[in-house]
């Protein structure tokens, strides 16, 4: 029998390819192994985590106690087929990317399902294995992984704009995975297979790429700037290298980045999935902090997929996917808590 930790990592890796995740999700689910992915924190310090192996949401209190869980496998309102990205707005409305149902669902903080939208496809407004989600100013930003674009919706599901397209040039994507919006409306997107983060202004114009080797960033060829198209209707380091499971790498280089969040100071935190670490970048791309490596000790990670920040305390929460847990870190990267994902609750 395949060890459960390996099975969790296998699903995590295959899920990054989108369409193959469902092939292995059923096997992992039958083994009862959770796979936390998306994560968000509300103003009271409650933590919401998506579990894409067991098709559920789990709500933790600030102390790590399990407050509730909901979902279940299916396509009805409130059910999931590999839930991924999670975001919460100022009114505590929760947005969850229901990946293999190709939709976004809205929930109240107690798990009551409110609405859903999304249709599988490649036309404007369609979704194809979406990953990440962010909310800001009444807008919902979705990383449309399978269509190599970001779509911006109103909270009623109406399409407002889209940006991207497949490629490796400025403003293009190869499987965008995570989205985040800064305090000034700046949009950040983790460009998964291009191993970078891209920054856009509030109108969707490309500004810069982050998380690439400094030399590459300095010599990158500039391509025409894409514009968002309107649609009607556990040690911390900041050294030049970082030790990871892949060996010694340029600390500025990301590998298969996924979750992303922007703090109140405008700094960018990224779950560097392929390097088993979390990094903190300045808005101009400078590496500020890097911590974590491959393992299961406090402050170590196995394929982290999600990252969130408590807006009140500045604490960092990481969905440590391969270890089936949530880790909480102090703002300086010191690990101070770890919560195992709970067993599947009957009826969830």
Protein backbone atom coordinates (compact mmCIF):
# COMPACT_ATOMS: atom_id res chain seq x y z
CA UNK A 1 0.00 0.00 0.00
CA UNK A 2 1.29 3.49 -0.83
CA UNK A 3 2.14 5.46 2.34
CA UNK A 4 -0.49 8.08 3.05
CA UNK A 5 2.01 10.95 3.13
CA UNK A 6 3.22 9.99 -0.33
CA UNK A 7 -0.36 9.64 -1.56
CA UNK A 8 -1.12 13.13 -0.28
CA UNK A 9 1.91 14.52 -2.08
CA UNK A 10 0.96 12.65 -5.24
CA UNK A 11 -2.48 14.19 -5.29
CA UNK A 12 -1.06 17.61 -4.48
CA UNK A 13 1.34 17.39 -7.39
CA UNK A 14 -1.23 16.09 -9.84
CA UNK A 15 -3.79 18.62 -8.74
CA UNK A 16 -1.41 21.33 -9.90
CA UNK A 17 -2.07 19.95 -13.40
CA UNK A 18 -5.77 20.54 -12.90
CA UNK A 19 -7.56 17.93 -14.96
CA UNK A 20 -5.84 14.88 -13.41
CA UNK A 21 -6.71 15.66 -9.82
CA UNK A 22 -10.07 13.91 -9.88
CA UNK A 23 -8.48 10.64 -11.01
CA UNK A 24 -6.67 10.30 -7.70
CA UNK A 25 -8.94 12.29 -5.40
CA UNK A 26 -11.36 9.42 -4.87
CA UNK A 27 -8.55 7.08 -3.79
CA UNK A 28 -7.13 9.62 -1.37
CA UNK A 29 -10.59 10.40 -0.05
CA UNK A 30 -11.28 6.73 0.63
CA UNK A 31 -8.06 6.62 2.63
CA UNK A 32 -9.38 9.49 4.73
CA UNK A 33 -6.30 11.63 4.14
CA UNK A 34 -7.09 15.37 4.15
CA UNK A 35 -5.43 17.74 1.69
CA UNK A 36 -5.71 21.39 2.80
CA UNK A 37 -5.35 23.86 -0.06
CA UNK A 38 -7.02 27.26 0.20
CA UNK A 39 -7.00 29.27 3.40
CA UNK A 40 -8.48 32.56 4.62
CA UNK A 41 -8.77 34.37 7.97
CA UNK A 42 -11.65 36.62 9.02
CA UNK A 43 -11.53 39.71 11.21
CA UNK A 44 -12.15 37.67 14.36
CA UNK A 45 -9.23 35.33 13.73
CA UNK A 46 -11.28 32.36 12.53
CA UNK A 47 -9.52 30.31 9.87
CA UNK A 48 -11.29 28.73 6.88
CA UNK A 49 -9.54 25.88 5.04
CA UNK A 50 -10.58 23.99 1.92
CA UNK A 51 -9.87 20.26 1.80
CA UNK A 52 -9.76 19.18 -1.82
CA UNK A 53 -9.30 15.48 -1.08
CA UNK A 54 -12.35 15.20 1.19
CA UNK A 55 -14.52 17.81 -0.58
CA UNK A 56 -15.21 19.97 2.44
CA UNK A 57 -14.54 23.25 4.20
CA UNK A 58 -13.22 23.32 7.76
CA UNK A 59 -13.58 26.33 10.07
CA UNK A 60 -11.11 26.67 12.95
CA UNK A 61 -11.28 29.07 15.85
CA UNK A 62 -8.27 31.31 16.62
CA UNK A 63 -7.02 28.67 19.09
CA UNK A 64 -7.16 25.87 16.52
CA UNK A 65 -10.40 24.35 17.77
CA UNK A 66 -12.62 22.93 15.03
CA UNK A 67 -15.79 25.00 14.92
CA UNK A 68 -17.52 23.41 11.96
CA UNK A 69 -17.09 21.63 8.65
CA UNK A 70 -19.39 21.44 5.67
CA UNK A 71 -19.61 20.28 2.09
CA UNK A 72 -19.61 16.76 0.74
CA UNK A 73 -18.92 15.38 -2.71
CA UNK A 74 -21.32 16.46 -5.42
CA UNK A 75 -22.45 19.29 -7.65
CA UNK A 76 -25.46 20.60 -5.72
CA UNK A 77 -25.25 24.00 -4.06
CA UNK A 78 -22.97 23.66 -1.03
CA UNK A 79 -21.28 20.49 -2.27
CA UNK A 80 -17.79 20.30 -3.78
CA UNK A 81 -15.61 18.51 -6.24
CA UNK A 82 -12.06 19.46 -5.17
CA UNK A 83 -12.47 22.86 -3.47
CA UNK A 84 -9.36 25.02 -3.74
CA UNK A 85 -9.02 28.78 -3.36
CA UNK A 86 -10.75 30.54 -0.47
CA UNK A 87 -11.32 34.25 0.16
CA UNK A 88 -13.43 36.24 2.60
CA UNK A 89 -14.71 39.80 2.31
CA UNK A 90 -15.28 42.50 4.92
CA UNK A 91 -18.83 41.27 5.57
CA UNK A 92 -17.55 37.72 6.26
CA UNK A 93 -18.96 36.32 3.05
CA UNK A 94 -16.82 33.39 1.99
CA UNK A 95 -15.89 32.61 -1.63
CA UNK A 96 -14.70 29.10 -2.47
CA UNK A 97 -13.38 27.89 -5.82
CA UNK A 98 -15.08 24.56 -6.54
CA UNK A 99 -12.42 23.40 -8.95
CA UNK A 100 -13.73 20.34 -10.74
CA UNK A 101 -17.28 21.71 -10.76
CA UNK A 102 -15.79 24.72 -12.59
CA UNK A 103 -17.52 27.29 -10.42
CA UNK A 104 -17.27 29.67 -7.48
CA UNK A 105 -19.54 29.26 -4.46
CA UNK A 106 -20.55 31.88 -1.89
CA UNK A 107 -21.16 31.00 1.76
CA UNK A 108 -22.06 32.73 4.98
CA UNK A 109 -19.45 32.39 7.72
CA UNK A 110 -21.47 29.56 9.30
CA UNK A 111 -21.30 27.52 6.10
CA UNK A 112 -24.73 28.33 4.73
CA UNK A 113 -24.54 28.18 0.93
CA UNK A 114 -25.72 31.42 -0.67
CA UNK A 115 -25.09 31.13 -4.40
CA UNK A 116 -22.81 29.73 -7.08
CA UNK A 117 -21.76 30.60 -10.59
CA UNK A 118 -19.60 29.14 -13.32
CA UNK A 119 -19.80 27.01 -16.42
CA UNK A 120 -17.13 24.70 -17.78
CA UNK A 121 -15.61 26.01 -20.99
CA UNK A 122 -13.29 28.54 -22.61
CA UNK A 123 -15.71 31.31 -23.58
CA UNK A 124 -15.71 34.62 -21.73
CA UNK A 125 -17.04 34.01 -18.24
CA UNK A 126 -16.49 30.26 -18.37
CA UNK A 127 -14.05 28.50 -16.06
CA UNK A 128 -11.77 25.54 -16.56
CA UNK A 129 -10.31 23.99 -13.39
CA UNK A 130 -10.06 27.33 -11.55
CA UNK A 131 -7.64 27.55 -8.62
CA UNK A 132 -7.33 30.77 -6.64
CA UNK A 133 -9.75 33.53 -5.67
CA UNK A 134 -9.52 37.01 -4.13
CA UNK A 135 -12.13 39.63 -3.27
CA UNK A 136 -11.74 43.38 -3.15
CA UNK A 137 -14.15 46.27 -3.48
CA UNK A 138 -17.08 44.13 -4.59
CA UNK A 139 -15.00 42.35 -7.22
CA UNK A 140 -14.12 38.67 -7.27
CA UNK A 141 -10.85 37.73 -8.98
CA UNK A 142 -10.52 34.11 -10.13
CA UNK A 143 -7.38 32.37 -11.40
CA UNK A 144 -8.81 30.46 -14.36
CA UNK A 145 -6.00 27.91 -14.36
CA UNK A 146 -7.07 25.81 -17.33
CA UNK A 147 -7.75 28.84 -19.56
CA UNK A 148 -4.51 30.67 -18.68
CA UNK A 149 -6.27 33.85 -17.59
CA UNK A 150 -7.72 35.78 -14.68
CA UNK A 151 -11.40 36.64 -14.75
CA UNK A 152 -12.96 39.41 -12.69
CA UNK A 153 -16.58 39.03 -11.63
CA UNK A 154 -19.10 41.00 -9.67
CA UNK A 155 -20.36 39.30 -6.54
CA UNK A 156 -23.44 38.27 -8.48
CA UNK A 157 -21.28 36.31 -10.92
CA UNK A 158 -21.46 38.83 -13.76
CA UNK A 159 -18.22 39.00 -15.74
CA UNK A 160 -16.52 42.40 -15.55
CA UNK A 161 -13.18 41.84 -17.26
CA UNK A 162 -10.52 39.30 -18.15
CA UNK A 163 -6.77 39.42 -18.57
CA UNK A 164 -4.04 37.09 -19.66
CA UNK A 165 -3.69 34.44 -22.33
CA UNK A 166 -1.30 31.54 -22.71
CA UNK A 167 2.39 32.34 -22.97
CA UNK A 168 5.47 33.44 -21.08
CA UNK A 169 5.54 37.11 -22.03
CA UNK A 170 4.55 40.01 -19.80
CA UNK A 171 0.92 39.65 -18.83
CA UNK A 172 0.64 36.11 -20.17
CA UNK A 173 0.25 32.97 -18.07
CA UNK A 174 1.01 29.30 -18.04
CA UNK A 175 -1.57 28.10 -15.52
CA UNK A 176 -2.26 30.97 -13.11
CA UNK A 177 -2.85 29.48 -9.66
CA UNK A 178 -3.28 32.23 -7.07
CA UNK A 179 -4.56 35.80 -7.03
CA UNK A 180 -4.33 38.56 -4.43
CA UNK A 181 -5.19 42.25 -4.32
CA UNK A 182 -3.15 44.79 -2.38
CA UNK A 183 -4.46 47.71 -0.32
CA UNK A 184 -4.03 50.03 -3.32
CA UNK A 185 -5.86 47.73 -5.73
CA UNK A 186 -2.71 46.24 -7.25
CA UNK A 187 -3.31 42.70 -8.51
CA UNK A 188 -0.77 39.89 -8.04
CA UNK A 189 -1.00 36.54 -9.82
CA UNK A 190 1.10 33.42 -9.24
CA UNK A 191 2.03 32.22 -12.72
CA UNK A 192 2.50 28.55 -11.86
CA UNK A 193 4.46 27.02 -14.74
CA UNK A 194 6.29 30.26 -15.55
CA UNK A 195 7.64 30.13 -11.97
CA UNK A 196 6.88 33.76 -11.18
CA UNK A 197 4.44 36.28 -9.77
CA UNK A 198 3.08 38.99 -12.05
CA UNK A 199 1.92 42.40 -10.86
CA UNK A 200 -0.84 44.41 -12.55
CA UNK A 201 -2.34 47.79 -11.77
CA UNK A 202 -6.00 48.22 -10.93
CA UNK A 203 -6.88 48.50 -14.63
CA UNK A 204 -5.22 45.19 -15.46
CA UNK A 205 -2.06 46.60 -17.06
CA UNK A 206 1.09 44.57 -16.52
CA UNK A 207 3.65 46.27 -14.27
CA UNK A 208 6.35 43.80 -13.22
CA UNK A 209 7.29 40.20 -12.57
CA UNK A 210 8.43 39.00 -9.16
CA UNK A 211 10.08 35.85 -7.91
CA UNK A 212 12.51 35.40 -10.78
CA UNK A 213 16.33 35.48 -10.60
CA UNK A 214 17.52 39.06 -10.39
CA UNK A 215 19.57 38.80 -13.59
CA UNK A 216 16.65 37.35 -15.51
CA UNK A 217 14.35 40.09 -14.27
CA UNK A 218 16.85 42.76 -15.30
CA UNK A 219 17.34 41.35 -18.80
CA UNK A 220 13.80 40.21 -19.54
CA UNK A 221 12.48 41.19 -22.95
CA UNK A 222 9.52 43.52 -22.79
CA UNK A 223 6.49 42.51 -24.82
CA UNK A 224 3.39 44.56 -25.58
CA UNK A 225 1.46 45.22 -22.39
CA UNK A 226 -1.83 43.28 -22.22
CA UNK A 227 -4.79 45.21 -20.93
CA UNK A 228 -7.81 43.84 -19.14
CA UNK A 229 -10.67 43.46 -21.60
CA UNK A 230 -13.99 44.85 -20.47
CA UNK A 231 -16.95 42.56 -20.98
CA UNK A 232 -20.47 43.89 -21.32
CA UNK A 233 -23.32 43.20 -18.89
CA UNK A 234 11.93 27.01 10.57
CA UNK A 235 14.52 29.48 10.15
CA UNK A 236 14.10 32.74 8.42
CA UNK A 237 16.62 33.81 5.84
CA UNK A 238 17.07 36.66 3.40
CA UNK A 239 20.34 35.48 1.92
CA UNK A 240 21.11 35.11 -1.81
CA UNK A 241 20.52 31.34 -1.65
CA UNK A 242 18.08 29.12 0.18
CA UNK A 243 18.33 25.42 0.96
CA UNK A 244 15.30 23.43 -0.14
CA UNK A 245 14.40 19.92 -1.22
CA UNK A 246 15.73 20.81 -4.68
CA UNK A 247 19.13 21.79 -3.27
CA UNK A 248 20.61 25.27 -3.15
CA UNK A 249 18.66 27.67 -5.35
CA UNK A 250 18.64 31.37 -6.06
CA UNK A 251 16.45 32.60 -3.22
CA UNK A 252 14.71 34.97 -5.63
CA UNK A 253 13.56 32.09 -7.84
CA UNK A 254 10.13 30.59 -7.30
CA UNK A 255 9.14 27.09 -8.37
CA UNK A 256 5.50 26.31 -9.06
CA UNK A 257 4.12 29.09 -6.82
CA UNK A 258 0.49 28.74 -5.75
CA UNK A 259 -1.15 30.60 -2.84
CA UNK A 260 -0.54 34.32 -2.48
CA UNK A 261 -1.65 37.10 -0.14
CA UNK A 262 -0.77 40.78 0.33
CA UNK A 263 -0.40 42.23 3.82
CA UNK A 264 -1.48 45.67 4.98
CA UNK A 265 1.99 47.06 4.25
CA UNK A 266 1.78 45.93 0.64
CA UNK A 267 4.29 43.09 0.98
CA UNK A 268 3.55 39.87 -0.89
CA UNK A 269 3.58 36.41 0.69
CA UNK A 270 3.80 33.38 -1.59
CA UNK A 271 3.42 29.64 -0.99
CA UNK A 272 6.44 28.45 -3.00
CA UNK A 273 5.02 24.99 -3.56
CA UNK A 274 7.95 23.52 -5.49
CA UNK A 275 10.53 24.66 -2.95
CA UNK A 276 8.53 23.66 0.16
CA UNK A 277 8.73 27.14 1.64
CA UNK A 278 6.99 30.48 2.08
CA UNK A 279 8.56 33.71 0.88
CA UNK A 280 7.86 37.35 1.57
CA UNK A 281 8.52 39.75 -1.28
CA UNK A 282 8.41 43.52 -1.49
CA UNK A 283 6.08 44.94 -4.13
CA UNK A 284 9.12 45.60 -6.32
CA UNK A 285 10.17 41.95 -6.10
CA UNK A 286 12.93 42.19 -3.50
CA UNK A 287 13.16 39.11 -1.30
CA UNK A 288 12.47 40.13 2.29
CA UNK A 289 12.12 36.77 4.03
CA UNK A 290 12.23 33.08 3.17
CA UNK A 291 11.60 30.22 5.49
CA UNK A 292 10.86 26.54 5.50
CA UNK A 293 12.23 23.48 3.78
CA UNK A 294 11.04 19.98 3.04
CA UNK A 295 9.92 18.06 6.12
CA UNK A 296 7.31 17.63 8.80
CA UNK A 297 8.92 19.40 11.76
CA UNK A 298 7.51 22.76 12.92
CA UNK A 299 8.24 25.35 10.26
CA UNK A 300 8.86 22.72 7.57
CA UNK A 301 6.48 22.03 4.69
CA UNK A 302 5.48 19.44 2.12
CA UNK A 303 4.07 21.19 -0.93
CA UNK A 304 2.35 24.18 0.72
CA UNK A 305 -0.57 25.39 -1.39
CA UNK A 306 -2.22 28.19 0.54
CA UNK A 307 -1.16 31.19 2.61
CA UNK A 308 -3.20 33.75 4.52
CA UNK A 309 -2.63 36.55 7.01
CA UNK A 310 -4.65 37.43 10.08
CA UNK A 311 -5.47 41.11 9.48
CA UNK A 312 -5.49 41.84 13.21
CA UNK A 313 -2.30 40.13 14.38
CA UNK A 314 -0.20 39.77 11.23
CA UNK A 315 0.22 36.06 11.89
CA UNK A 316 0.76 33.92 8.81
CA UNK A 317 -1.27 30.76 8.19
CA UNK A 318 -0.05 28.13 5.74
CA UNK A 319 -1.98 25.22 4.25
CA UNK A 320 0.76 22.60 4.60
CA UNK A 321 -0.84 20.27 2.10
CA UNK A 322 1.41 17.21 2.14
CA UNK A 323 1.51 17.20 5.95
CA UNK A 324 -2.31 17.49 6.15
CA UNK A 325 -2.12 20.39 8.58
CA UNK A 326 -2.29 24.14 9.03
CA UNK A 327 0.77 25.89 10.38
CA UNK A 328 0.69 29.28 12.06
CA UNK A 329 3.78 31.48 12.00
CA UNK A 330 4.64 34.73 13.70
CA UNK A 331 5.20 37.67 11.33
CA UNK A 332 8.95 36.99 11.50
CA UNK A 333 8.44 33.38 10.41
CA UNK A 334 8.77 31.71 13.80
CA UNK A 335 6.37 28.72 13.96
CA UNK A 336 4.04 29.02 16.94
CA UNK A 337 1.20 26.55 16.27
CA UNK A 338 0.20 23.60 14.11
CA UNK A 339 -3.28 22.15 13.64
CA UNK A 340 -3.96 18.78 12.08
CA UNK A 341 -6.90 18.64 9.73
CA UNK A 342 -9.72 16.85 11.58
CA UNK A 343 -11.30 13.55 10.56
CA UNK A 344 -14.17 13.76 8.15
CA UNK A 345 -17.35 14.49 10.06
CA UNK A 346 -20.29 12.28 9.27
CA UNK A 347 -22.72 14.14 7.06
CA UNK A 348 -20.25 16.79 5.89
